[in-house]
Amino acid sequence: MNRELQAENKIQKISYRIREKGYKLSQIKKNNYNYEISVTNEKQKLKVLVYFGKKGLKTVVQGNTDSKFYKEIYSIVSDNYQIEFNEEPDIFYSEYIGTDETGKGDYFGPLVVSAMFVNENTQVFLENLGVKDSKELSDKQINIIATKIRKEFPHNFNIVIISPQKYNQLYENFKNINKLLDWAHSKSIENLLKIFNCKTVITDQFSKKKLTISNNTKYNSINFIQTPKAEKYIGVAAASILARNTMNNWFHKKELEGYYLTKGASSKVIANAKDIIQKYGKEKLSCLAKLHFKTTNQVLNSIIKEP
């Protein structure tokens, strides 16, 4: 594989990881000697560049190196998820419900939210199983671990799968991805609270607003915790693995149906979507993709411009 292709693959993986953390991301741009993306939060903007040359690949993050935002992005880019930011010390919870989601950065595929109840014994089992943040595991490892979790704890988890078709319908109502995520997280949590008398819920933070379920007076005694990098809690990490495994299964099923879909939101995804529209029409795309992504307009515009 030549270095330019290696650089493209690397920037796509970096883009996927950053988008999964909920940051806004530009499309990948190719320059003479590098690929670049821009990452933004509410106040700041950074650039991530992957250079390719005779000496190999080099990844650079440009921006205010003293900011917490820079350190967070740098940790994602460098695969170092252990960097500390002077946050509150970790607290051990003997039992809790952990939730996480996957798919919000993927043009194709469902949005999946998973909730997992753990107690002390469950946590020991998961630790021995090698459970950690799904972004640090290969798809093969995720599928193996998820199969064991499903077999050992068939009643400890709840998964909400929002298919692309359903996602597009819901997005028309919510007009906001965070509101949609709030609905899905709240639903998966409530489904488990019907089974387990649990007093703590830990969610990987996707918004600064509280979950809707936490405002329900029925759950006043429950401590709802929303925190960045919540995958450090093994129950949240297990939920992330189950969510990712569910999405992998969806992609595999579509492959068996003849649809070879690319994860993420790269130039390959645009080509993929264009091919689907030309073969099956836009209605089929609504069953496979999240149409509110900018990708949809890029695809449609590229088709219009063709002679």
C-alpha atoms as a PDB file:
ATOM      1  CA  MET A   1       0.000   0.000   0.000  1.00  0.00           C
ATOM      2  CA  ASN A   2       1.493   3.385  -0.989  1.00  0.00           C
ATOM      3  CA  ARG A   3       1.905   6.154   1.584  1.00  0.00           C
ATOM      4  CA  GLU A   4      -0.797   8.367   0.103  1.00  0.00           C
ATOM      5  CA  LEU A   5      -3.365   5.602   0.478  1.00  0.00           C
ATOM      6  CA  GLN A   6      -2.099   4.860   3.988  1.00  0.00           C
ATOM      7  CA  ALA A   7      -2.544   8.534   4.867  1.00  0.00           C
ATOM      8  CA  GLU A   8      -6.112   8.510   3.503  1.00  0.00           C
ATOM      9  CA  ASN A   9      -6.971   5.411   5.532  1.00  0.00           C
ATOM     10  CA  LYS A  10      -5.476   6.979   8.659  1.00  0.00           C
ATOM     11  CA  ILE A  11      -7.369  10.279   8.333  1.00  0.00           C
ATOM     12  CA  GLN A  12     -10.602   8.310   7.803  1.00  0.00           C
ATOM     13  CA  LYS A  13     -10.021   6.336  11.022  1.00  0.00           C
ATOM     14  CA  ILE A  14      -9.170   9.520  12.921  1.00  0.00           C
ATOM     15  CA  SER A  15     -12.296  11.220  11.546  1.00  0.00           C
ATOM     16  CA  TYR A  16     -14.441   8.325  12.648  1.00  0.00           C
ATOM     17  CA  ARG A  17     -13.065   8.350  16.212  1.00  0.00           C
ATOM     18  CA  ILE A  18     -13.469  12.127  16.553  1.00  0.00           C
ATOM     19  CA  ARG A  19     -17.008  12.066  15.152  1.00  0.00           C
ATOM     20  CA  GLU A  20     -17.929   9.272  17.555  1.00  0.00           C
ATOM     21  CA  LYS A  21     -16.959  11.607  20.413  1.00  0.00           C
ATOM     22  CA  GLY A  22     -19.602  14.049  19.194  1.00  0.00           C
ATOM     23  CA  TYR A  23     -17.402  16.782  17.738  1.00  0.00           C
ATOM     24  CA  LYS A  24     -18.304  18.629  14.525  1.00  0.00           C
ATOM     25  CA  LEU A  25     -16.035  17.665  11.693  1.00  0.00           C
ATOM     26  CA  SER A  26     -15.386  18.919   8.175  1.00  0.00           C
ATOM     27  CA  GLN A  27     -15.130  16.668   5.142  1.00  0.00           C
ATOM     28  CA  ILE A  28     -11.686  15.252   4.470  1.00  0.00           C
ATOM     29  CA  LYS A  29      -9.640  17.556   2.232  1.00  0.00           C
ATOM     30  CA  LYS A  30      -6.728  16.324   0.122  1.00  0.00           C
ATOM     31  CA  ASN A  31      -3.758  18.682  -0.388  1.00  0.00           C
ATOM     32  CA  ASN A  32      -0.498  18.146  -2.270  1.00  0.00           C
ATOM     33  CA  TYR A  33       1.274  16.471   0.629  1.00  0.00           C
ATOM     34  CA  ASN A  34      -1.388  15.732   3.222  1.00  0.00           C
ATOM     35  CA  TYR A  35      -4.991  15.046   4.100  1.00  0.00           C
ATOM     36  CA  GLU A  36      -6.685  17.399   6.553  1.00  0.00           C
ATOM     37  CA  ILE A  37      -9.855  17.832   8.578  1.00  0.00           C
ATOM     38  CA  SER A  38     -11.144  20.664  10.766  1.00  0.00           C
ATOM     39  CA  VAL A  39     -12.631  19.904  14.193  1.00  0.00           C
ATOM     40  CA  THR A  40     -14.792  22.379  16.094  1.00  0.00           C
ATOM     41  CA  ASN A  41     -16.533  22.692  19.426  1.00  0.00           C
ATOM     42  CA  GLU A  42     -18.593  25.662  20.592  1.00  0.00           C
ATOM     43  CA  LYS A  43     -15.646  28.089  20.805  1.00  0.00           C
ATOM     44  CA  GLN A  44     -12.575  26.575  19.150  1.00  0.00           C
ATOM     45  CA  LYS A  45     -11.362  25.113  15.894  1.00  0.00           C
ATOM     46  CA  LEU A  46      -8.471  22.723  15.321  1.00  0.00           C
ATOM     47  CA  LYS A  47      -6.924  21.122  12.276  1.00  0.00           C
ATOM     48  CA  VAL A  48      -5.712  17.541  12.024  1.00  0.00           C
ATOM     49  CA  LEU A  49      -3.307  16.797   9.183  1.00  0.00           C
ATOM     50  CA  VAL A  50      -1.819  13.494   8.044  1.00  0.00           C
ATOM     51  CA  TYR A  51       1.267  14.062   5.886  1.00  0.00           C
ATOM     52  CA  PHE A  52       2.606  11.471   3.457  1.00  0.00           C
ATOM     53  CA  GLY A  53       6.147  11.565   2.080  1.00  0.00           C
ATOM     54  CA  LYS A  54       9.329   9.624   1.522  1.00  0.00           C
ATOM     55  CA  LYS A  55       9.985   9.349   5.265  1.00  0.00           C
ATOM     56  CA  GLY A  56       6.552   7.924   5.991  1.00  0.00           C
ATOM     57  CA  LEU A  57       3.407   9.293   7.641  1.00  0.00           C
ATOM     58  CA  LYS A  58       3.247  12.160  10.109  1.00  0.00           C
ATOM     59  CA  THR A  59       0.142  13.301  12.006  1.00  0.00           C
ATOM     60  CA  VAL A  60      -0.118  16.886  13.251  1.00  0.00           C
ATOM     61  CA  VAL A  61      -2.777  18.617  15.371  1.00  0.00           C
ATOM     62  CA  GLN A  62      -2.801  22.407  14.890  1.00  0.00           C
ATOM     63  CA  GLY A  63      -4.369  24.751  17.447  1.00  0.00           C
ATOM     64  CA  ASN A  64      -4.073  26.053  20.998  1.00  0.00           C
ATOM     65  CA  THR A  65      -1.939  23.373  22.643  1.00  0.00           C
ATOM     66  CA  ASP A  66      -2.837  24.604  26.148  1.00  0.00           C
ATOM     67  CA  SER A  67      -6.576  24.098  25.733  1.00  0.00           C
ATOM     68  CA  LYS A  68      -8.472  21.107  27.072  1.00  0.00           C
ATOM     69  CA  PHE A  69     -10.080  20.780  23.633  1.00  0.00           C
ATOM     70  CA  TYR A  70      -6.666  20.354  22.002  1.00  0.00           C
ATOM     71  CA  LYS A  71      -5.608  17.744  24.563  1.00  0.00           C
ATOM     72  CA  GLU A  72      -8.826  15.785  24.053  1.00  0.00           C
ATOM     73  CA  ILE A  73      -8.442  15.734  20.267  1.00  0.00           C
ATOM     74  CA  TYR A  74      -4.745  14.953  20.542  1.00  0.00           C
ATOM     75  CA  SER A  75      -5.523  11.981  22.796  1.00  0.00           C
ATOM     76  CA  ILE A  76      -8.052  10.644  20.263  1.00  0.00           C
ATOM     77  CA  VAL A  77      -5.651  11.128  17.335  1.00  0.00           C
ATOM     78  CA  SER A  78      -2.753   9.476  19.149  1.00  0.00           C
ATOM     79  CA  ASP A  79      -4.902   6.575  20.451  1.00  0.00           C
ATOM     80  CA  ASN A  80      -3.948   7.626  23.985  1.00  0.00           C
ATOM     81  CA  TYR A  81      -7.140   7.573  26.001  1.00  0.00           C
ATOM     82  CA  GLN A  82      -5.370   7.799  29.362  1.00  0.00           C
ATOM     83  CA  ILE A  83      -4.501  11.520  29.331  1.00  0.00           C
ATOM     84  CA  GLU A  84      -5.867  13.259  32.424  1.00  0.00           C
ATOM     85  CA  PHE A  85      -7.420  16.741  32.446  1.00  0.00           C
ATOM     86  CA  ASN A  86      -7.600  17.482  36.178  1.00  0.00           C
ATOM     87  CA  GLU A  87     -11.069  16.001  36.378  1.00  0.00           C
ATOM     88  CA  GLU A  88     -12.776  14.653  39.472  1.00  0.00           C
ATOM     89  CA  PRO A  89     -11.169  11.423  40.751  1.00  0.00           C
ATOM     90  CA  ASP A  90     -12.925   8.245  39.651  1.00  0.00           C
ATOM     91  CA  ILE A  91     -15.520   6.857  42.039  1.00  0.00           C
ATOM     92  CA  PHE A  92     -16.224   3.142  42.220  1.00  0.00           C
ATOM     93  CA  TYR A  93     -19.913   2.277  41.964  1.00  0.00           C
ATOM     94  CA  SER A  94     -20.766  -1.254  43.083  1.00  0.00           C
ATOM     95  CA  GLU A  95     -23.779  -1.356  40.784  1.00  0.00           C
ATOM     96  CA  TYR A  96     -25.119   0.924  38.077  1.00  0.00           C
ATOM     97  CA  ILE A  97     -26.549   1.129  34.582  1.00  0.00           C
ATOM     98  CA  GLY A  98     -24.066   2.293  31.955  1.00  0.00           C
ATOM     99  CA  THR A  99     -25.117   3.563  28.523  1.00  0.00           C
ATOM    100  CA  ASP A 100     -23.356   4.415  25.280  1.00  0.00           C
ATOM    101  CA  GLU A 101     -24.196   4.798  21.603  1.00  0.00           C
ATOM    102  CA  THR A 102     -22.668   4.211  18.198  1.00  0.00           C
ATOM    103  CA  GLY A 103     -23.524   5.144  14.634  1.00  0.00           C
ATOM    104  CA  LYS A 104     -24.076   8.888  15.001  1.00  0.00           C
ATOM    105  CA  GLY A 105     -20.972   9.580  12.891  1.00  0.00           C
ATOM    106  CA  ASP A 106     -21.821   7.023  10.212  1.00  0.00           C
ATOM    107  CA  TYR A 107     -23.803   8.061   7.144  1.00  0.00           C
ATOM    108  CA  PHE A 108     -24.879   4.478   6.522  1.00  0.00           C
ATOM    109  CA  GLY A 109     -26.375   2.259   9.171  1.00  0.00           C
ATOM    110  CA  PRO A 110     -28.529   2.576  12.283  1.00  0.00           C
ATOM    111  CA  LEU A 111     -28.093   4.628  15.412  1.00  0.00           C
ATOM    112  CA  VAL A 112     -27.682   2.159  18.265  1.00  0.00           C
ATOM    113  CA  VAL A 113     -27.954   2.923  21.988  1.00  0.00           C
ATOM    114  CA  SER A 114     -27.160   0.253  24.544  1.00  0.00           C
ATOM    115  CA  ALA A 115     -27.641   0.143  28.322  1.00  0.00           C
ATOM    116  CA  MET A 116     -25.982  -2.430  30.599  1.00  0.00           C
ATOM    117  CA  PHE A 117     -26.643  -3.146  34.277  1.00  0.00           C
ATOM    118  CA  VAL A 118     -23.607  -4.246  36.281  1.00  0.00           C
ATOM    119  CA  ASN A 119     -22.946  -5.179  39.893  1.00  0.00           C
ATOM    120  CA  GLU A 120     -19.648  -6.130  41.552  1.00  0.00           C
ATOM    121  CA  ASN A 121     -19.668  -9.721  40.232  1.00  0.00           C
ATOM    122  CA  THR A 122     -20.592  -8.594  36.731  1.00  0.00           C
ATOM    123  CA  GLN A 123     -17.766  -6.043  36.732  1.00  0.00           C
ATOM    124  CA  VAL A 124     -15.193  -8.682  37.687  1.00  0.00           C
ATOM    125  CA  PHE A 125     -16.405 -10.959  34.881  1.00  0.00           C
ATOM    126  CA  LEU A 126     -16.279  -8.144  32.332  1.00  0.00           C
ATOM    127  CA  GLU A 127     -12.796  -7.139  33.436  1.00  0.00           C
ATOM    128  CA  ASN A 128     -11.542 -10.718  33.040  1.00  0.00           C
ATOM    129  CA  LEU A 129     -13.216 -10.815  29.627  1.00  0.00           C
ATOM    130  CA  GLY A 130     -11.087  -7.874  28.456  1.00  0.00           C
ATOM    131  CA  VAL A 131     -13.893  -5.334  28.212  1.00  0.00           C
ATOM    132  CA  LYS A 132     -12.792  -1.776  27.400  1.00  0.00           C
ATOM    133  CA  ASP A 133     -13.864   1.090  25.160  1.00  0.00           C
ATOM    134  CA  SER A 134     -15.039  -0.426  21.866  1.00  0.00           C
ATOM    135  CA  LYS A 135     -12.961   2.141  19.930  1.00  0.00           C
ATOM    136  CA  GLU A 136      -9.848   0.393  21.250  1.00  0.00           C
ATOM    137  CA  LEU A 137     -10.974  -3.018  19.972  1.00  0.00           C
ATOM    138  CA  SER A 138     -11.129  -4.526  16.485  1.00  0.00           C
ATOM    139  CA  ASP A 139     -14.511  -5.576  15.075  1.00  0.00           C
ATOM    140  CA  LYS A 140     -13.454  -9.212  15.533  1.00  0.00           C
ATOM    141  CA  GLN A 141     -12.686  -8.648  19.239  1.00  0.00           C
ATOM    142  CA  ILE A 142     -15.946  -6.733  19.683  1.00  0.00           C
ATOM    143  CA  ASN A 143     -18.014  -9.535  18.177  1.00  0.00           C
ATOM    144  CA  ILE A 144     -16.322 -12.213  20.320  1.00  0.00           C
ATOM    145  CA  ILE A 145     -16.720 -10.259  23.572  1.00  0.00           C
ATOM    146  CA  ALA A 146     -20.294  -9.212  22.781  1.00  0.00           C
ATOM    147  CA  THR A 147     -21.293 -12.837  22.131  1.00  0.00           C
ATOM    148  CA  LYS A 148     -19.958 -13.830  25.576  1.00  0.00           C
ATOM    149  CA  ILE A 149     -21.728 -10.918  27.301  1.00  0.00           C
ATOM    150  CA  ARG A 150     -25.015 -11.788  25.610  1.00  0.00           C
ATOM    151  CA  LYS A 151     -24.682 -15.440  26.674  1.00  0.00           C
ATOM    152  CA  GLU A 152     -23.598 -14.763  30.269  1.00  0.00           C
ATOM    153  CA  PHE A 153     -25.944 -11.835  31.018  1.00  0.00           C
ATOM    154  CA  PRO A 154     -28.967 -12.157  28.693  1.00  0.00           C
ATOM    155  CA  HIS A 155     -31.199  -9.969  30.914  1.00  0.00           C
ATOM    156  CA  ASN A 156     -28.667  -7.319  31.968  1.00  0.00           C
ATOM    157  CA  PHE A 157     -28.768  -5.188  28.847  1.00  0.00           C
ATOM    158  CA  ASN A 158     -31.208  -3.354  26.625  1.00  0.00           C
ATOM    159  CA  ILE A 159     -30.480  -2.195  23.088  1.00  0.00           C
ATOM    160  CA  VAL A 160     -32.411   0.435  21.139  1.00  0.00           C
ATOM    161  CA  ILE A 161     -31.820   0.113  17.390  1.00  0.00           C
ATOM    162  CA  ILE A 162     -32.978   3.025  15.275  1.00  0.00           C
ATOM    163  CA  SER A 163     -32.870   1.858  11.668  1.00  0.00           C
ATOM    164  CA  PRO A 164     -32.000   4.457   9.010  1.00  0.00           C
ATOM    165  CA  GLN A 165     -35.640   4.597   7.887  1.00  0.00           C
ATOM    166  CA  LYS A 166     -36.874   5.150  11.460  1.00  0.00           C
ATOM    167  CA  TYR A 167     -33.991   7.544  12.130  1.00  0.00           C
ATOM    168  CA  ASN A 168     -35.021   9.735   9.184  1.00  0.00           C
ATOM    169  CA  GLN A 169     -38.622   9.821  10.429  1.00  0.00           C
ATOM    170  CA  LEU A 170     -37.575  10.704  13.993  1.00  0.00           C
ATOM    171  CA  TYR A 171     -35.119  13.337  12.820  1.00  0.00           C
ATOM    172  CA  GLU A 172     -37.966  15.084  11.006  1.00  0.00           C
ATOM    173  CA  ASN A 173     -39.666  15.406  14.414  1.00  0.00           C
ATOM    174  CA  PHE A 174     -36.646  16.199  16.601  1.00  0.00           C
ATOM    175  CA  LYS A 175     -34.596  18.250  14.101  1.00  0.00           C
ATOM    176  CA  ASN A 176     -31.639  17.656  16.444  1.00  0.00           C
ATOM    177  CA  ILE A 177     -29.368  14.650  16.904  1.00  0.00           C
ATOM    178  CA  ASN A 178     -28.909  15.275  20.651  1.00  0.00           C
ATOM    179  CA  LYS A 179     -32.676  15.231  21.223  1.00  0.00           C
ATOM    180  CA  LEU A 180     -32.864  11.956  19.329  1.00  0.00           C
ATOM    181  CA  LEU A 181     -30.009  10.532  21.422  1.00  0.00           C
ATOM    182  CA  ASP A 182     -31.715  11.736  24.613  1.00  0.00           C
ATOM    183  CA  TRP A 183     -34.867   9.862  23.606  1.00  0.00           C
ATOM    184  CA  ALA A 184     -32.968   6.643  22.816  1.00  0.00           C
ATOM    185  CA  HIS A 185     -30.783   6.708  25.952  1.00  0.00           C
ATOM    186  CA  SER A 186     -33.793   7.453  28.156  1.00  0.00           C
ATOM    187  CA  LYS A 187     -35.742   4.587  26.595  1.00  0.00           C
ATOM    188  CA  SER A 188     -32.948   2.008  27.050  1.00  0.00           C
ATOM    189  CA  ILE A 189     -32.370   3.139  30.665  1.00  0.00           C
ATOM    190  CA  GLU A 190     -36.069   2.981  31.535  1.00  0.00           C
ATOM    191  CA  ASN A 191     -36.366  -0.522  30.081  1.00  0.00           C
ATOM    192  CA  LEU A 192     -33.657  -1.725  32.492  1.00  0.00           C
ATOM    193  CA  LEU A 193     -35.059   0.193  35.467  1.00  0.00           C
ATOM    194  CA  LYS A 194     -38.205  -1.907  35.068  1.00  0.00           C
ATOM    195  CA  ILE A 195     -36.051  -4.949  35.905  1.00  0.00           C
ATOM    196  CA  PHE A 196     -33.347  -3.661  38.261  1.00  0.00           C
ATOM    197  CA  ASN A 197     -33.774  -1.480  41.359  1.00  0.00           C
ATOM    198  CA  CYS A 198     -30.680   0.540  40.505  1.00  0.00           C
ATOM    199  CA  LYS A 199     -29.746   3.892  42.088  1.00  0.00           C
ATOM    200  CA  THR A 200     -27.010   5.052  39.664  1.00  0.00           C
ATOM    201  CA  VAL A 201     -26.966   5.610  35.906  1.00  0.00           C
ATOM    202  CA  ILE A 202     -23.772   6.597  34.046  1.00  0.00           C
ATOM    203  CA  THR A 203     -24.004   7.904  30.480  1.00  0.00           C
ATOM    204  CA  ASP A 204     -21.253   8.906  28.078  1.00  0.00           C
ATOM    205  CA  GLN A 205     -21.974  12.635  27.722  1.00  0.00           C
ATOM    206  CA  PHE A 206     -23.282  13.707  24.312  1.00  0.00           C
ATOM    207  CA  SER A 207     -24.956  16.941  25.435  1.00  0.00           C
ATOM    208  CA  LYS A 208     -24.729  19.496  28.245  1.00  0.00           C
ATOM    209  CA  LYS A 209     -28.439  19.071  28.921  1.00  0.00           C
ATOM    210  CA  LYS A 210     -29.774  16.513  31.394  1.00  0.00           C
ATOM    211  CA  LEU A 211     -31.450  13.375  30.096  1.00  0.00           C
ATOM    212  CA  THR A 212     -35.214  13.686  29.875  1.00  0.00           C
ATOM    213  CA  ILE A 213     -35.655  10.605  32.039  1.00  0.00           C
ATOM    214  CA  SER A 214     -33.813  12.302  34.924  1.00  0.00           C
ATOM    215  CA  ASN A 215     -36.609  14.901  35.113  1.00  0.00           C
ATOM    216  CA  ASN A 216     -39.213  12.200  35.774  1.00  0.00           C
ATOM    217  CA  THR A 217     -40.241  12.420  39.446  1.00  0.00           C
ATOM    218  CA  LYS A 218     -40.603   8.639  39.410  1.00  0.00           C
ATOM    219  CA  TYR A 219     -36.797   8.421  39.367  1.00  0.00           C
ATOM    220  CA  ASN A 220     -35.956  11.151  41.915  1.00  0.00           C
ATOM    221  CA  SER A 221     -33.892   8.726  44.009  1.00  0.00           C
ATOM    222  CA  ILE A 222     -31.582   7.836  41.084  1.00  0.00           C
ATOM    223  CA  ASN A 223     -28.221   9.531  40.583  1.00  0.00           C
ATOM    224  CA  PHE A 224     -27.922  10.296  36.850  1.00  0.00           C
ATOM    225  CA  ILE A 225     -24.307  10.936  35.851  1.00  0.00           C
ATOM    226  CA  GLN A 226     -23.353  12.273  32.418  1.00  0.00           C
ATOM    227  CA  THR A 227     -19.606  12.484  31.910  1.00  0.00           C
ATOM    228  CA  PRO A 228     -17.116  12.660  29.021  1.00  0.00           C
ATOM    229  CA  LYS A 229     -15.018   9.524  28.430  1.00  0.00           C
ATOM    230  CA  ALA A 230     -17.492   7.469  30.465  1.00  0.00           C
ATOM    231  CA  GLU A 231     -16.099   4.282  28.852  1.00  0.00           C
ATOM    232  CA  LYS A 232     -13.599   4.255  31.749  1.00  0.00           C
ATOM    233  CA  TYR A 233     -16.518   2.705  33.663  1.00  0.00           C
ATOM    234  CA  ILE A 234     -16.633  -0.928  32.622  1.00  0.00           C
ATOM    235  CA  GLY A 235     -20.447  -0.982  32.444  1.00  0.00           C
ATOM    236  CA  VAL A 236     -20.403   1.854  29.911  1.00  0.00           C
ATOM    237  CA  ALA A 237     -17.595   0.115  27.996  1.00  0.00           C
ATOM    238  CA  ALA A 238     -19.680  -3.083  27.884  1.00  0.00           C
ATOM    239  CA  ALA A 239     -22.640  -1.068  26.585  1.00  0.00           C
ATOM    240  CA  SER A 240     -20.422   0.442  23.878  1.00  0.00           C
ATOM    241  CA  ILE A 241     -19.307  -3.062  22.804  1.00  0.00           C
ATOM    242  CA  LEU A 242     -22.893  -4.327  22.592  1.00  0.00           C
ATOM    243  CA  ALA A 243     -23.916  -1.263  20.581  1.00  0.00           C
ATOM    244  CA  ARG A 244     -20.994  -1.642  18.198  1.00  0.00           C
ATOM    245  CA  ASN A 245     -21.631  -5.370  17.781  1.00  0.00           C
ATOM    246  CA  THR A 246     -25.276  -4.651  16.945  1.00  0.00           C
ATOM    247  CA  MET A 247     -24.221  -2.180  14.268  1.00  0.00           C
ATOM    248  CA  ASN A 248     -21.652  -4.647  12.877  1.00  0.00           C
ATOM    249  CA  ASN A 249     -24.421  -7.232  12.583  1.00  0.00           C
ATOM    250  CA  TRP A 250     -26.568  -4.727  10.650  1.00  0.00           C
ATOM    251  CA  PHE A 251     -23.764  -4.059   8.158  1.00  0.00           C
ATOM    252  CA  HIS A 252     -23.139  -7.802   7.784  1.00  0.00           C
ATOM    253  CA  LYS A 253     -26.833  -8.437   7.109  1.00  0.00           C
ATOM    254  CA  LYS A 254     -26.873  -5.741   4.422  1.00  0.00           C
ATOM    255  CA  GLU A 255     -23.770  -7.283   2.872  1.00  0.00           C
ATOM    256  CA  LEU A 256     -25.626 -10.592   2.579  1.00  0.00           C
ATOM    257  CA  GLU A 257     -28.412  -8.667   0.832  1.00  0.00           C
ATOM    258  CA  GLY A 258     -25.894  -7.318  -1.675  1.00  0.00           C
ATOM    259  CA  TYR A 259     -25.257  -3.857  -0.215  1.00  0.00           C
ATOM    260  CA  TYR A 260     -21.568  -3.283   0.476  1.00  0.00           C
ATOM    261  CA  LEU A 261     -21.671  -0.169   2.630  1.00  0.00           C
ATOM    262  CA  THR A 262     -18.773   1.865   3.998  1.00  0.00           C
ATOM    263  CA  LYS A 263     -18.703   3.092   7.603  1.00  0.00           C
ATOM    264  CA  GLY A 264     -17.963   6.711   8.433  1.00  0.00           C
ATOM    265  CA  ALA A 265     -18.566   9.721   6.170  1.00  0.00           C
ATOM    266  CA  SER A 266     -15.637   9.777   3.737  1.00  0.00           C
ATOM    267  CA  SER A 267     -15.295  10.212  -0.043  1.00  0.00           C
ATOM    268  CA  LYS A 268     -15.786   6.433  -0.357  1.00  0.00           C
ATOM    269  CA  VAL A 269     -19.154   6.809   1.372  1.00  0.00           C
ATOM    270  CA  ILE A 270     -20.181   9.471  -1.156  1.00  0.00           C
ATOM    271  CA  ALA A 271     -19.279   7.131  -4.021  1.00  0.00           C
ATOM    272  CA  ASN A 272     -21.191   4.350  -2.263  1.00  0.00           C
ATOM    273  CA  ALA A 273     -24.335   6.473  -1.902  1.00  0.00           C
ATOM    274  CA  LYS A 274     -24.125   7.700  -5.469  1.00  0.00           C
ATOM    275  CA  ASP A 275     -24.005   4.122  -6.720  1.00  0.00           C
ATOM    276  CA  ILE A 276     -27.087   3.191  -4.647  1.00  0.00           C
ATOM    277  CA  ILE A 277     -29.149   6.124  -5.968  1.00  0.00           C
ATOM    278  CA  GLN A 278     -28.200   5.335  -9.569  1.00  0.00           C
ATOM    279  CA  LYS A 279     -29.066   1.642  -9.164  1.00  0.00           C
ATOM    280  CA  TYR A 280     -32.098   1.741  -6.869  1.00  0.00           C
ATOM    281  CA  GLY A 281     -33.229   5.377  -6.498  1.00  0.00           C
ATOM    282  CA  LYS A 282     -33.249   7.792  -3.558  1.00  0.00           C
ATOM    283  CA  GLU A 283     -36.015   5.868  -1.746  1.00  0.00           C
ATOM    284  CA  LYS A 284     -33.644   2.938  -1.219  1.00  0.00           C
ATOM    285  CA  LEU A 285     -31.033   5.343   0.181  1.00  0.00           C
ATOM    286  CA  SER A 286     -33.505   6.409   2.885  1.00  0.00           C
ATOM    287  CA  CYS A 287     -33.554   2.784   4.089  1.00  0.00           C
ATOM    288  CA  LEU A 288     -29.766   2.633   4.342  1.00  0.00           C
ATOM    289  CA  ALA A 289     -28.534   6.114   5.282  1.00  0.00           C
ATOM    290  CA  LYS A 290     -29.121   9.095   7.572  1.00  0.00           C
ATOM    291  CA  LEU A 291     -30.355  11.616   5.041  1.00  0.00           C
ATOM    292  CA  HIS A 292     -29.790  14.809   7.054  1.00  0.00           C
ATOM    293  CA  PHE A 293     -25.992  14.394   6.661  1.00  0.00           C
ATOM    294  CA  LYS A 294     -24.363  16.849   4.234  1.00  0.00           C
ATOM    295  CA  THR A 295     -23.314  13.748   2.315  1.00  0.00           C
ATOM    296  CA  THR A 296     -26.813  13.496   0.795  1.00  0.00           C
ATOM    297  CA  ASN A 297     -26.620  16.920  -0.865  1.00  0.00           C
ATOM    298  CA  GLN A 298     -23.065  16.232  -2.029  1.00  0.00           C
ATOM    299  CA  VAL A 299     -24.223  13.028  -3.690  1.00  0.00           C
ATOM    300  CA  LEU A 300     -27.286  14.577  -5.313  1.00  0.00           C
ATOM    301  CA  ASN A 301     -25.306  17.589  -6.557  1.00  0.00           C
ATOM    302  CA  SER A 302     -22.641  15.340  -8.069  1.00  0.00           C
ATOM    303  CA  ILE A 303     -25.339  13.371  -9.953  1.00  0.00           C
ATOM    304  CA  ILE A 304     -26.971  16.564 -11.264  1.00  0.00           C
ATOM    305  CA  LYS A 305     -23.657  17.868 -12.578  1.00  0.00           C
ATOM    306  CA  GLU A 306     -23.036  14.713 -14.593  1.00  0.00           C
ATOM    307  CA  PRO A 307     -23.799  15.000 -18.317  1.00  0.00           C
END
